[in-house]
Protein backbone atom coordinates (compact mmCIF):
# COMPACT_ATOMS: atom_id res chain seq x y z
CA MET A 1 14.29 -7.01 28.17
CA SER A 2 15.94 -5.86 31.36
CA VAL A 3 14.58 -3.13 33.62
CA VAL A 4 17.40 -0.75 32.60
CA SER A 5 16.64 -1.28 28.90
CA ARG A 6 12.94 -0.59 29.45
CA ILE A 7 13.74 2.66 31.30
CA ARG A 8 16.06 3.79 28.50
CA LEU A 9 13.42 2.97 25.88
CA ARG A 10 10.79 5.02 27.73
CA ARG A 11 13.20 7.96 27.96
CA ILE A 12 13.88 7.78 24.22
CA GLU A 13 10.14 7.63 23.45
CA GLY A 14 9.55 10.65 25.69
CA ILE A 15 12.29 12.65 23.95
CA LEU A 16 10.91 11.76 20.53
CA ALA A 17 7.39 12.71 21.59
CA SER A 18 8.56 16.09 22.91
CA ARG A 19 10.41 16.77 19.65
CA GLU A 20 7.55 15.80 17.39
CA ARG A 21 7.43 18.18 14.44
CA VAL A 22 4.50 20.56 14.38
CA ARG A 23 3.25 20.50 10.82
CA ARG A 24 1.80 23.69 9.43
CA HIS A 25 -1.61 23.74 7.82
CA PRO A 26 -1.25 24.52 4.07
CA ARG A 27 -3.96 27.19 4.34
CA ARG A 28 -2.70 28.79 7.55
CA GLU A 29 -2.39 32.23 5.95
CA ARG A 30 -6.18 32.31 5.34
CA ASP A 31 -6.84 32.35 9.08
CA PRO A 32 -7.81 35.98 9.94
CA ALA A 33 -5.91 35.82 13.24
CA VAL A 34 -2.76 34.70 11.48
CA ALA A 35 -3.18 37.13 8.59
CA SER A 36 -3.46 40.10 10.95
CA SER A 37 -0.26 39.19 12.80
CA ASP A 38 1.86 37.94 9.88
CA THR A 39 2.37 41.24 8.04
CA GLY A 40 6.02 41.06 6.98
CA LEU A 41 8.34 44.03 6.80
CA ALA A 42 6.39 47.24 7.54
CA GLU A 43 8.89 49.91 6.52
CA TRP A 44 12.40 50.44 5.19
CA MET A 45 14.68 53.28 4.14
CA GLY A 46 14.49 54.51 0.56
CA PRO A 47 17.43 55.56 -1.64
CA ASN A 48 17.12 59.21 -0.58
CA GLY A 49 16.90 58.40 3.12
CA ARG A 50 13.11 58.62 3.38
CA ILE A 51 11.27 55.87 5.25
CA ARG A 52 9.08 53.87 2.86
CA ARG A 53 6.10 51.84 4.06
CA ASN A 54 4.74 48.56 2.78
CA PRO A 55 1.22 49.23 1.44
CA ARG A 56 0.26 45.57 1.91
CA VAL A 57 0.74 45.73 5.69
CA GLY A 58 -2.16 48.06 6.39
CA ARG A 59 -4.55 46.27 4.06
CA ARG A 60 -3.72 42.84 5.45
CA ALA A 61 -3.97 43.91 9.07
CA ALA A 62 -7.13 45.98 8.65
CA ALA A 63 -9.18 43.63 6.51
CA PRO A 64 -8.24 39.94 6.83
CA VAL A 65 -10.04 37.71 4.40
CA ALA A 66 -11.86 34.69 5.78
CA PRO A 67 -11.87 31.47 3.74
CA SER A 68 -15.54 31.91 2.81
CA GLN A 69 -15.15 35.51 1.61
CA THR A 70 -14.84 36.41 -2.05
CA ILE A 71 -12.28 39.09 -2.74
CA GLY A 72 -13.82 40.12 -6.05
CA ALA A 73 -17.17 40.85 -4.38
CA ALA A 74 -15.76 43.63 -2.19
CA VAL A 75 -17.08 47.11 -3.03
CA VAL A 76 -14.35 49.75 -3.07
CA PRO A 77 -15.66 53.22 -2.12
CA VAL A 78 -14.86 56.01 -4.57
CA GLU A 79 -14.44 59.59 -3.41
CA VAL A 80 -16.09 62.08 -5.77
CA ILE A 81 -15.43 65.84 -5.69
CA ASP A 82 -17.99 67.44 -8.02
CA LYS A 83 -17.33 71.13 -7.37
CA PRO A 84 -13.80 71.66 -6.07
CA SER A 85 -12.86 75.04 -4.62
CA TRP A 86 -9.47 74.94 -6.36
CA TRP A 87 -7.31 72.71 -8.55
CA VAL A 88 -3.86 71.20 -8.29
CA LEU A 89 -2.45 70.19 -11.67
CA VAL A 90 0.05 67.34 -12.02
CA VAL A 91 1.97 66.52 -15.19
CA PRO A 92 3.26 62.95 -14.58
CA ASP A 93 6.00 61.49 -16.73
CA LEU A 94 4.14 58.19 -17.32
CA GLU A 95 7.08 56.50 -18.98
CA GLY A 96 5.89 53.43 -20.82
CA GLY A 97 2.27 54.35 -20.04
CA ARG A 98 2.53 53.58 -16.32
CA LEU A 99 3.11 55.55 -13.16
CA SER A 100 6.63 55.41 -11.80
CA SER A 101 7.40 55.66 -8.09
CA HIS A 102 8.45 59.27 -8.74
CA ASP A 103 5.08 60.00 -10.37
CA ARG A 104 3.30 58.53 -7.34
CA ASP A 105 5.32 60.73 -5.00
CA VAL A 106 4.33 63.83 -6.99
CA LEU A 107 0.67 62.78 -6.98
CA GLY A 108 0.92 62.28 -3.22
CA ALA A 109 2.25 65.83 -2.88
CA ALA A 110 -0.62 67.11 -5.04
CA ARG A 111 -3.18 65.32 -2.91
CA LEU A 112 -1.63 66.86 0.20
CA LEU A 113 -1.98 70.37 -1.28
CA ALA A 114 -5.52 69.71 -2.50
CA ASP A 115 -6.72 68.46 0.90
CA ALA A 116 -4.95 71.13 2.96
CA GLY A 117 -7.28 74.07 2.30
CA LEU A 118 -6.32 77.74 2.46
CA ASP A 119 -5.59 79.07 5.96
CA GLY A 120 -8.04 76.60 7.45
CA GLY A 121 -10.92 77.93 5.34
CA PRO A 122 -13.82 75.90 3.90
CA GLY A 123 -13.78 74.05 0.63
CA LYS A 124 -11.81 71.21 -0.83
CA GLY A 125 -9.44 70.99 -3.74
CA ALA A 126 -9.16 68.42 -6.50
CA VAL A 127 -6.22 66.92 -8.36
CA ILE A 128 -6.19 66.94 -12.16
CA ALA A 129 -3.60 64.96 -14.12
CA LEU A 130 -2.54 65.95 -17.63
CA VAL A 131 -1.91 62.74 -19.56
CA HIS A 132 -0.64 62.14 -23.09
CA GLY A 133 -2.56 59.51 -25.02
CA VAL A 134 -4.05 56.83 -22.79
CA CYS A 135 -5.55 57.21 -19.33
CA SER A 136 -3.84 54.93 -16.81
CA ASP A 137 -6.01 52.86 -14.45
CA GLU A 138 -3.55 53.60 -11.66
CA LEU A 139 -4.49 57.29 -11.48
CA ALA A 140 -7.67 56.71 -9.45
CA GLU A 141 -5.75 54.79 -6.80
CA SER A 142 -3.19 57.61 -6.66
CA GLY A 143 -5.73 60.26 -5.65
CA VAL A 144 -6.56 61.82 -9.04
CA ASP A 145 -10.02 63.39 -9.44
CA ARG A 146 -9.88 64.43 -13.12
CA VAL A 147 -7.82 63.25 -16.08
CA GLN A 148 -7.19 65.70 -18.90
CA LEU A 149 -6.02 63.97 -22.08
CA PHE A 150 -4.20 65.49 -25.02
CA GLU A 151 -3.42 63.82 -28.31
CA SER A 152 -0.29 63.89 -30.43
CA PRO A 153 0.13 62.91 -34.09
CA SER A 154 2.94 60.59 -33.03
CA GLN A 155 4.54 59.14 -29.94
CA GLU A 156 7.63 61.26 -30.47
CA TYR A 157 8.78 63.68 -27.81
CA ILE A 158 7.61 67.15 -28.94
CA PRO A 159 8.20 69.59 -26.06
CA GLU A 160 6.41 72.44 -27.85
CA LEU A 161 3.21 70.37 -28.02
CA ARG A 162 3.44 69.31 -24.38
CA THR A 163 4.08 72.90 -23.33
CA ALA A 164 1.01 74.04 -25.27
CA ALA A 165 -1.08 71.33 -23.55
CA VAL A 166 0.03 72.49 -20.09
CA LEU A 167 -0.63 76.15 -20.90
CA ALA A 168 -4.11 75.32 -22.25
CA THR A 169 -4.94 73.34 -19.10
CA ILE A 170 -3.69 76.15 -16.86
CA GLN A 171 -5.84 78.64 -18.76
CA ALA A 172 -8.93 76.42 -18.47
CA PHE A 173 -8.68 75.45 -14.78
CA GLN A 174 -6.52 78.20 -13.22
CA PRO A 175 -4.84 75.72 -10.83
CA ARG A 176 -3.38 76.95 -7.57
CA HIS A 177 -0.30 74.74 -8.04
CA VAL A 178 1.26 72.87 -10.99
CA LEU A 179 3.59 69.98 -10.16
CA TRP A 180 6.11 68.02 -12.27
CA PRO A 181 8.59 65.27 -11.42
CA ASP A 182 12.00 66.96 -11.36
CA ILE A 183 13.55 64.92 -14.19
CA ALA A 184 15.11 65.85 -17.53
CA THR A 185 12.01 65.67 -19.73
CA ALA A 186 9.23 66.71 -17.32
CA GLY A 187 10.25 69.47 -14.95
CA GLY A 188 13.65 69.78 -16.56
CA ASP A 189 12.34 70.72 -20.02
CA VAL A 190 8.58 71.21 -20.30
CA GLY A 191 8.21 72.67 -16.81
CA ARG A 192 10.83 75.32 -17.44
CA ARG A 193 9.30 76.18 -20.81
CA VAL A 194 5.97 76.76 -19.06
CA ALA A 195 7.64 78.89 -16.38
CA ALA A 196 9.30 81.02 -19.06
CA ALA A 197 6.03 81.43 -20.98
CA LEU A 198 4.16 82.53 -17.82
CA ARG A 199 7.10 84.58 -16.51
CA LEU A 200 6.90 82.79 -13.16
CA ARG A 201 9.69 81.68 -10.86
CA PRO A 202 9.30 77.96 -10.12
CA ALA A 203 10.55 76.04 -7.10
CA ALA A 204 13.03 73.45 -8.40
CA ARG A 205 14.52 70.48 -6.57
CA VAL A 206 11.74 70.47 -3.96
CA VAL A 207 12.83 67.90 -1.37
CA ARG A 208 10.18 68.61 1.27
CA LEU A 209 6.67 69.94 0.88
CA THR A 210 3.82 70.88 3.21
CA ALA A 211 0.75 73.03 2.69
CA ARG A 212 2.64 76.09 3.97
CA GLU A 213 6.26 75.48 3.01
CA ALA A 214 8.36 74.15 0.15
CA ALA A 215 12.04 73.34 0.69
CA SER A 216 14.30 73.48 -2.38
CA ARG A 217 17.79 71.98 -2.28
CA ILE A 218 20.35 74.61 -3.42
CA GLN A 219 24.10 75.26 -3.54
CA GLY A 220 25.07 71.74 -4.45
CA GLY A 221 22.87 70.23 -1.78
CA SER A 222 24.46 72.13 1.10
CA LYS A 223 21.43 74.33 1.91
CA ASP A 224 17.64 74.36 1.68
CA LEU A 225 15.71 77.39 0.46
CA LEU A 226 12.38 77.69 2.30
CA ARG A 227 9.42 79.52 0.80
CA ALA A 228 5.66 79.34 0.56
CA PRO A 229 4.62 76.82 -2.11
CA PRO A 230 4.62 78.74 -5.43
CA GLN A 231 2.40 78.00 -8.39
CA LEU A 232 5.01 75.95 -10.28
CA MET A 233 7.04 73.25 -8.51
CA PHE A 234 9.42 70.50 -9.63
CA ILE A 235 9.35 67.67 -7.07
CA VAL A 236 12.22 65.25 -6.49
CA ALA A 237 11.66 61.58 -5.68
CA GLU A 238 10.58 60.82 -2.10
CA ALA A 239 9.76 64.45 -1.32
CA ALA A 240 6.27 63.27 -0.32
CA GLU A 241 4.55 60.02 0.52
CA PRO A 242 2.48 58.35 -2.22
CA PHE A 243 -1.26 58.65 -1.68
CA ARG A 244 -2.75 55.65 0.17
CA GLY A 245 -6.30 56.82 0.90
CA SER A 246 -9.60 55.87 -0.67
CA ARG A 247 -9.94 55.54 -4.42
CA HIS A 248 -10.76 58.78 -6.26
CA GLU A 249 -12.92 59.24 -9.33
CA ALA A 250 -10.29 59.96 -12.02
CA ARG A 251 -13.02 61.25 -14.30
CA GLN A 252 -11.79 61.46 -17.88
CA LEU A 253 -12.31 64.83 -19.58
CA PRO A 254 -12.56 65.45 -23.34
CA ALA A 255 -9.18 65.56 -25.01
CA LEU A 256 -7.62 68.93 -25.72
CA ALA A 257 -7.76 70.18 -29.30
CA LEU A 258 -4.25 71.41 -30.00
CA ALA A 259 -2.84 72.82 -33.21
CA THR A 260 -0.23 70.66 -34.91
CA GLN A 261 3.24 71.96 -34.18
CA GLN A 262 6.55 71.24 -35.82
CA GLY A 263 9.02 70.34 -33.11
CA SER A 264 12.49 71.80 -32.99
CA ILE A 265 13.84 68.52 -31.60
CA VAL A 266 14.16 65.39 -33.73
CA ASP A 267 13.16 62.29 -31.76
CA CYS A 268 15.25 59.37 -33.04
CA GLY A 269 13.47 56.84 -30.84
CA VAL A 270 14.62 54.75 -27.93
CA VAL A 271 18.17 53.42 -28.00
CA ALA A 272 18.14 49.63 -27.73
CA ALA A 273 19.89 48.48 -24.55
CA ASP A 274 21.27 45.07 -23.67
CA PRO A 275 18.99 43.78 -20.89
CA GLN A 276 21.88 41.71 -19.52
CA ARG A 277 23.76 44.94 -18.70
CA LEU A 278 20.79 47.13 -17.83
CA PRO A 279 20.76 48.50 -14.26
CA LEU A 280 18.20 46.74 -12.10
CA THR A 281 16.43 50.01 -11.30
CA GLU A 282 15.70 50.56 -15.02
CA ALA A 283 14.61 47.03 -15.96
CA ASP A 284 11.03 46.12 -16.90
CA LEU A 285 11.61 42.37 -16.48
CA ILE A 286 13.95 40.96 -13.84
CA VAL A 287 14.80 37.26 -13.65
CA SER A 288 16.18 36.69 -10.17
CA ALA A 289 17.91 33.70 -8.57
CA GLY A 290 18.29 32.52 -5.01
CA ASN A 291 19.84 29.59 -3.19
CA GLY A 292 17.41 27.27 -4.93
CA VAL A 293 19.21 27.79 -8.26
CA THR A 294 22.14 25.46 -8.98
CA ASP A 295 22.04 25.24 -12.80
CA TRP A 296 23.53 28.63 -13.68
CA PRO A 297 23.90 28.01 -17.44
CA ALA A 298 20.15 27.30 -17.56
CA PHE A 299 19.47 30.49 -15.58
CA HIS A 300 21.46 32.69 -17.95
CA ALA A 301 19.95 30.95 -20.99
CA LEU A 302 16.48 31.76 -19.67
CA CYS A 303 17.43 35.41 -19.07
CA HIS A 304 18.57 35.63 -22.69
CA ALA A 305 15.44 33.89 -24.03
CA LEU A 306 13.09 36.15 -22.05
CA GLY A 307 15.07 39.32 -22.67
CA GLY A 308 15.18 39.84 -18.92
CA THR A 309 17.73 41.47 -16.66
CA PRO A 310 19.44 39.04 -14.25
CA GLY A 311 19.23 39.67 -10.52
CA GLY A 312 19.78 37.71 -7.35
CA SER A 313 19.45 37.47 -3.62
CA ARG A 314 22.14 38.53 -1.19
CA ALA A 315 23.19 34.92 -0.61
CA VAL A 316 23.75 34.38 -4.33
CA CYS A 317 25.87 37.55 -4.62
CA ASP A 318 27.82 36.65 -1.47
CA ALA A 319 28.61 33.26 -3.02
CA GLY A 320 29.98 34.96 -6.15
CA HIS A 321 27.42 33.57 -8.59
CA LEU A 322 26.35 37.11 -9.56
CA PRO A 323 28.11 40.47 -9.18
CA ARG A 324 27.16 42.72 -6.27
CA ALA A 325 25.45 45.17 -8.64
CA ARG A 326 22.85 42.44 -9.33
CA GLN A 327 21.71 42.16 -5.70
CA VAL A 328 18.03 42.89 -5.09
CA GLY A 329 16.88 43.99 -1.66
CA ALA A 330 17.11 46.66 1.00
CA SER A 331 20.91 46.31 1.05
CA GLY A 332 21.07 46.12 -2.76
CA SER A 333 18.71 47.68 -5.31
CA LEU A 334 15.10 48.69 -4.71
CA VAL A 335 13.45 47.65 -7.97
CA GLU A 336 10.04 48.28 -9.55
CA PRO A 337 9.82 46.28 -12.80
CA ARG A 338 6.61 45.32 -14.48
CA CYS A 339 7.41 41.68 -13.75
CA TYR A 340 9.76 40.07 -11.23
CA LEU A 341 10.47 36.36 -11.79
CA ALA A 342 11.98 34.79 -8.66
CA PHE A 343 13.62 31.34 -8.88
CA GLY A 344 14.47 29.56 -5.64
CA ILE A 345 14.21 32.65 -3.41
CA SER A 346 12.69 32.04 0.01
CA GLY A 347 11.88 35.72 0.59
CA ALA A 348 13.86 37.30 3.43
CA PRO A 349 12.38 40.58 4.75
CA GLN A 350 15.23 42.59 3.21
CA HIS A 351 14.59 41.02 -0.19
CA LEU A 352 10.83 41.57 0.01
CA ALA A 353 11.52 45.22 0.82
CA GLY A 354 13.45 45.50 -2.42
CA ILE A 355 10.54 44.24 -4.54
CA ALA A 356 7.73 46.04 -2.72
CA ARG A 357 6.90 48.15 -5.78
CA CYS A 358 6.99 45.41 -8.42
CA GLU A 359 3.79 45.28 -10.47
CA ARG A 360 3.75 41.48 -10.80
CA VAL A 361 5.77 38.86 -8.95
CA ILE A 362 6.06 35.24 -10.13
CA ALA A 363 7.71 32.78 -7.75
CA VAL A 364 9.19 29.38 -8.57
CA ASN A 365 9.91 27.47 -5.38
CA THR A 366 9.67 23.98 -3.95
CA ASP A 367 8.43 25.36 -0.60
CA LEU A 368 4.70 26.05 -0.65
CA HIS A 369 4.98 28.15 2.51
CA ALA A 370 7.91 30.35 1.50
CA ASP A 371 7.40 34.07 2.10
CA MET A 372 8.14 34.73 -1.57
CA VAL A 373 5.24 32.46 -2.52
CA LYS A 374 2.96 34.46 -0.21
CA ARG A 375 4.10 37.70 -1.84
CA ALA A 376 3.78 36.40 -5.40
CA ASP A 377 0.84 37.02 -7.70
CA LEU A 378 1.52 33.65 -9.36
CA SER A 379 3.49 30.71 -7.96
CA ILE A 380 4.92 27.55 -9.49
CA ILE A 381 5.66 24.94 -6.83
CA ALA A 382 8.45 23.04 -8.54
CA ASP A 383 12.22 22.78 -8.77
CA ALA A 384 13.82 25.75 -10.53
CA GLN A 385 16.19 23.39 -12.39
CA VAL A 386 13.15 21.81 -14.08
CA VAL A 387 11.18 24.99 -14.77
CA MET A 388 14.02 27.10 -16.23
CA PRO A 389 14.89 24.87 -19.24
CA ALA A 390 11.19 24.25 -19.87
CA LEU A 391 10.54 28.00 -20.10
CA THR A 392 13.59 28.43 -22.32
CA ARG A 393 12.34 25.77 -24.74
CA LEU A 394 8.90 27.40 -24.75
CA MET A 395 10.33 30.84 -25.57
CA GLU A 396 12.54 29.40 -28.31
CA GLY A 397 9.48 27.77 -29.85
CA VAL A 398 7.56 31.06 -29.73
CA SER A 399 10.49 32.82 -31.37
CA ARG A 400 10.63 30.25 -34.20
CA VAL A 401 6.89 30.63 -34.85
CA ALA A 402 7.25 34.42 -34.98
CA ASP A 403 10.17 34.14 -37.41
CA ASN A 404 8.18 31.80 -39.66
CA GLU A 405 5.22 34.20 -39.71
CA GLU A 406 7.49 37.10 -40.65
CA SER A 407 9.05 35.11 -43.49
CA CYS A 408 5.59 34.15 -44.80
CA HIS A 409 4.44 37.79 -44.80
CA ALA A 410 7.66 38.80 -46.55
CA ASP A 411 7.06 36.25 -49.31
């Protein structure tokens, strides 16, 4: 080999050495130093223009978990208020037995009023939630100190019974404030019935709330009416931040004994909706696709088998595989289903912002270190084209077994 060839070879070896790929440790995220710095998107703008914050950021930065620590062994402190100086009553909607983002905003407003005091005086207030049927485990994390249950002979919507439950709770606890989500069934119906029964003027469409002032949107949204917080208030979404403090007691009280009432409204049940056409913001199960999905017939077949609502990343909608209305993310729809199933989505910050309030996230991805896999509660490290038809076959088998059982019972 000539001298020139040897020099060229050394140069090539030097270039290759300088460009050697740095391989990431598969358990890098367990390093406390990395966990405290790799927090993802901290905040984004909500649909009403209010800045929303990622609750995972503070927890991850404040308390990184070392590899030897056991998460389940951590003791969560519970704040107990035995003898509150006053009460703030909240009547959450609890659609489907779970707190919606709107319910959490109202509970955050109630916690603000309970902790504010009266003209700087002593004492501390407590939040009591009036709940129909079953007590939700989420109430303690949302700042609720007491849970007042009331029973109904059926799950039908009987506004007279709900109004009687609110009036009985008001008579028993004499709350300083009573808060509802400003929606059709809660503040829109029951709240106004209570206001009429008590002959009180409520504050409706409350868009901003402090301990001293409530701002109601009036005249078609062109003006705000400012007043001291009255006893009855109907709170719009994002009027207050959800509570993010320490866990409260959420002590369950004996259920109210209410007289059976014949409702003037006939509840015909829930109208069945096609999940394929359901808006993303109303879906309980979203099956979402990203660039990792290439078998679109298999994707749509799985959506049909699961009864899920299809969604997708921005890249998928830009490519025309799904309509723009199916885009999930900060520039699309901010969703909060009970389950979000993500196929082949890497997890851009804008997309993670859109699924920040999902109860459960399941990721299917070939990349072990994808941000979506970090965010997920359960991950399947495999090709989406293999997993989708397998899940479809599984669901079809479950459906056949259920049909056979029904036919046997019928015989």
